[in-house]
Amino acid sequence: IVKARPVSPRATVMDKGADVSSEAINEISSYIRQRGGQIKSIYEKYLKLNPNLQGRIVVKVTFSNGVVSSVSVTGNDTGNTQMESEIVGVVRGWAVGGVQGQVTLSVPFVLSPK
């Protein structure tokens, strides 16, 4: 059985509205870290098909009032566009309750086998 290391992304703020508090940023960052398991599950699916698969996928995510309003890939050195698309699909469904305003983050997912 091929296993992956835990995925614990550290988001970096690229842009934020004046109305976005540091608490909101912390809440979104924590939410993203908690979703590392979703990304790890996707990675493990593709790792079974290619045990040498590893690398980094970086997504740019914009949250508007807590809901993902846009997501795009800014870097992918894994060479696997199917996995990239699946990760984007999962990220597109993220939502953080109670967060107001708009914030754009860069989120790197570092993918490596155990």
Protein backbone atom coordinates (compact mmCIF):
# COMPACT_ATOMS: atom_id res chain seq x y z
CA ILE A 1 0.00 0.00 0.00
CA VAL A 2 1.38 3.36 -1.03
CA LYS A 3 0.85 6.12 1.54
CA ALA A 4 1.41 9.84 1.42
CA ARG A 5 2.84 12.19 3.98
CA PRO A 6 0.26 14.48 5.62
CA VAL A 7 -0.60 17.56 3.56
CA SER A 8 -0.58 20.69 5.74
CA PRO A 9 -0.66 23.73 3.49
CA ARG A 10 0.40 27.15 4.75
CA ALA A 11 -1.57 29.82 2.92
CA THR A 12 -0.06 33.20 2.08
CA VAL A 13 -2.26 36.27 1.67
CA MET A 14 -1.87 37.81 -1.79
CA ASP A 15 -4.61 40.44 -1.54
CA LYS A 16 -7.39 41.35 0.87
CA GLY A 17 -10.15 43.87 1.20
CA ALA A 18 -9.88 46.57 3.87
CA ASP A 19 -12.84 44.96 5.66
CA VAL A 20 -11.06 41.61 6.20
CA SER A 21 -9.83 41.18 9.77
CA SER A 22 -6.74 39.27 10.86
CA GLU A 23 -9.12 36.92 12.70
CA ALA A 24 -10.85 36.15 9.40
CA ILE A 25 -7.49 35.41 7.77
CA ASN A 26 -6.58 33.08 10.65
CA GLU A 27 -9.95 31.34 10.39
CA ILE A 28 -9.54 30.78 6.65
CA SER A 29 -5.93 29.59 7.08
CA SER A 30 -7.00 27.13 9.78
CA TYR A 31 -9.85 25.90 7.58
CA ILE A 32 -7.42 25.28 4.71
CA ARG A 33 -5.00 23.34 6.95
CA GLN A 34 -7.90 21.20 8.18
CA ARG A 35 -8.72 20.31 4.57
CA GLY A 36 -5.27 18.80 3.98
CA GLY A 37 -6.81 15.33 4.32
CA GLN A 38 -8.99 15.94 1.28
CA ILE A 39 -5.93 16.77 -0.81
CA LYS A 40 -3.99 13.82 0.64
CA SER A 41 -6.81 11.43 -0.36
CA ILE A 42 -6.71 12.68 -3.94
CA TYR A 43 -2.92 12.41 -4.01
CA GLU A 44 -2.96 8.84 -2.64
CA LYS A 45 -5.39 7.81 -5.39
CA TYR A 46 -2.90 8.97 -8.04
CA LEU A 47 0.09 7.69 -6.06
CA LYS A 48 -1.30 4.15 -6.43
CA LEU A 49 -1.13 4.62 -10.21
CA ASN A 50 2.36 6.15 -10.11
CA PRO A 51 4.43 5.41 -6.97
CA ASN A 52 7.00 8.04 -8.07
CA LEU A 53 4.45 10.86 -8.21
CA GLN A 54 5.44 13.83 -6.06
CA GLY A 55 5.83 17.57 -6.19
CA ARG A 56 3.93 20.73 -5.49
CA ILE A 57 0.65 22.14 -6.72
CA VAL A 58 0.05 25.80 -5.90
CA VAL A 59 -3.44 27.23 -6.14
CA LYS A 60 -4.60 30.83 -5.98
CA VAL A 61 -7.90 30.92 -4.07
CA THR A 62 -10.23 33.87 -3.61
CA PHE A 63 -12.78 33.73 -0.82
CA SER A 64 -15.71 36.17 -1.04
CA ASN A 65 -17.70 36.31 2.20
CA GLY A 66 -16.31 32.92 3.17
CA VAL A 67 -17.10 31.14 -0.10
CA VAL A 68 -14.56 30.30 -2.81
CA SER A 69 -15.35 32.62 -5.71
CA SER A 70 -12.35 31.70 -7.84
CA VAL A 71 -9.54 29.17 -7.91
CA SER A 72 -6.69 28.74 -10.36
CA VAL A 73 -3.45 26.80 -10.48
CA THR A 74 -0.33 28.96 -10.43
CA GLY A 75 2.16 26.08 -10.28
CA ASN A 76 2.24 22.32 -10.78
CA ASP A 77 5.50 20.42 -10.98
CA THR A 78 3.89 16.99 -10.52
CA GLY A 79 3.16 16.66 -14.22
CA ASN A 80 -0.30 15.27 -13.41
CA THR A 81 -3.05 17.52 -14.77
CA GLN A 82 -5.85 15.08 -13.83
CA MET A 83 -4.86 15.26 -10.16
CA GLU A 84 -4.57 19.04 -10.50
CA SER A 85 -8.13 19.26 -11.85
CA GLU A 86 -9.48 17.10 -9.05
CA ILE A 87 -7.78 19.26 -6.41
CA VAL A 88 -9.20 22.42 -8.02
CA GLY A 89 -12.68 20.83 -7.93
CA VAL A 90 -12.40 20.13 -4.20
CA VAL A 91 -11.04 23.61 -3.40
CA ARG A 92 -13.87 25.19 -5.41
CA GLY A 93 -16.34 23.69 -2.90
CA TRP A 94 -14.70 25.14 0.22
CA ALA A 95 -16.67 27.57 2.40
CA VAL A 96 -15.82 29.20 5.74
CA GLY A 97 -18.86 30.37 7.68
CA GLY A 98 -19.05 33.81 9.22
CA VAL A 99 -16.18 35.38 7.26
CA GLN A 100 -16.92 38.71 5.58
CA GLY A 101 -15.05 40.47 2.79
CA GLN A 102 -12.73 39.22 0.07
CA VAL A 103 -9.30 37.68 0.42
CA THR A 104 -7.01 35.99 -2.11
CA LEU A 105 -4.48 33.43 -0.94
CA SER A 106 -1.70 31.38 -2.46
CA VAL A 107 -1.93 27.80 -1.17
CA PRO A 108 0.92 25.36 -1.86
CA PHE A 109 0.16 21.65 -1.56
CA VAL A 110 3.42 19.74 -1.11
CA LEU A 111 2.83 16.13 -2.15
CA SER A 112 5.30 13.40 -1.24
CA PRO A 113 5.11 9.66 -0.47
CA LYS A 114 5.96 8.33 2.99
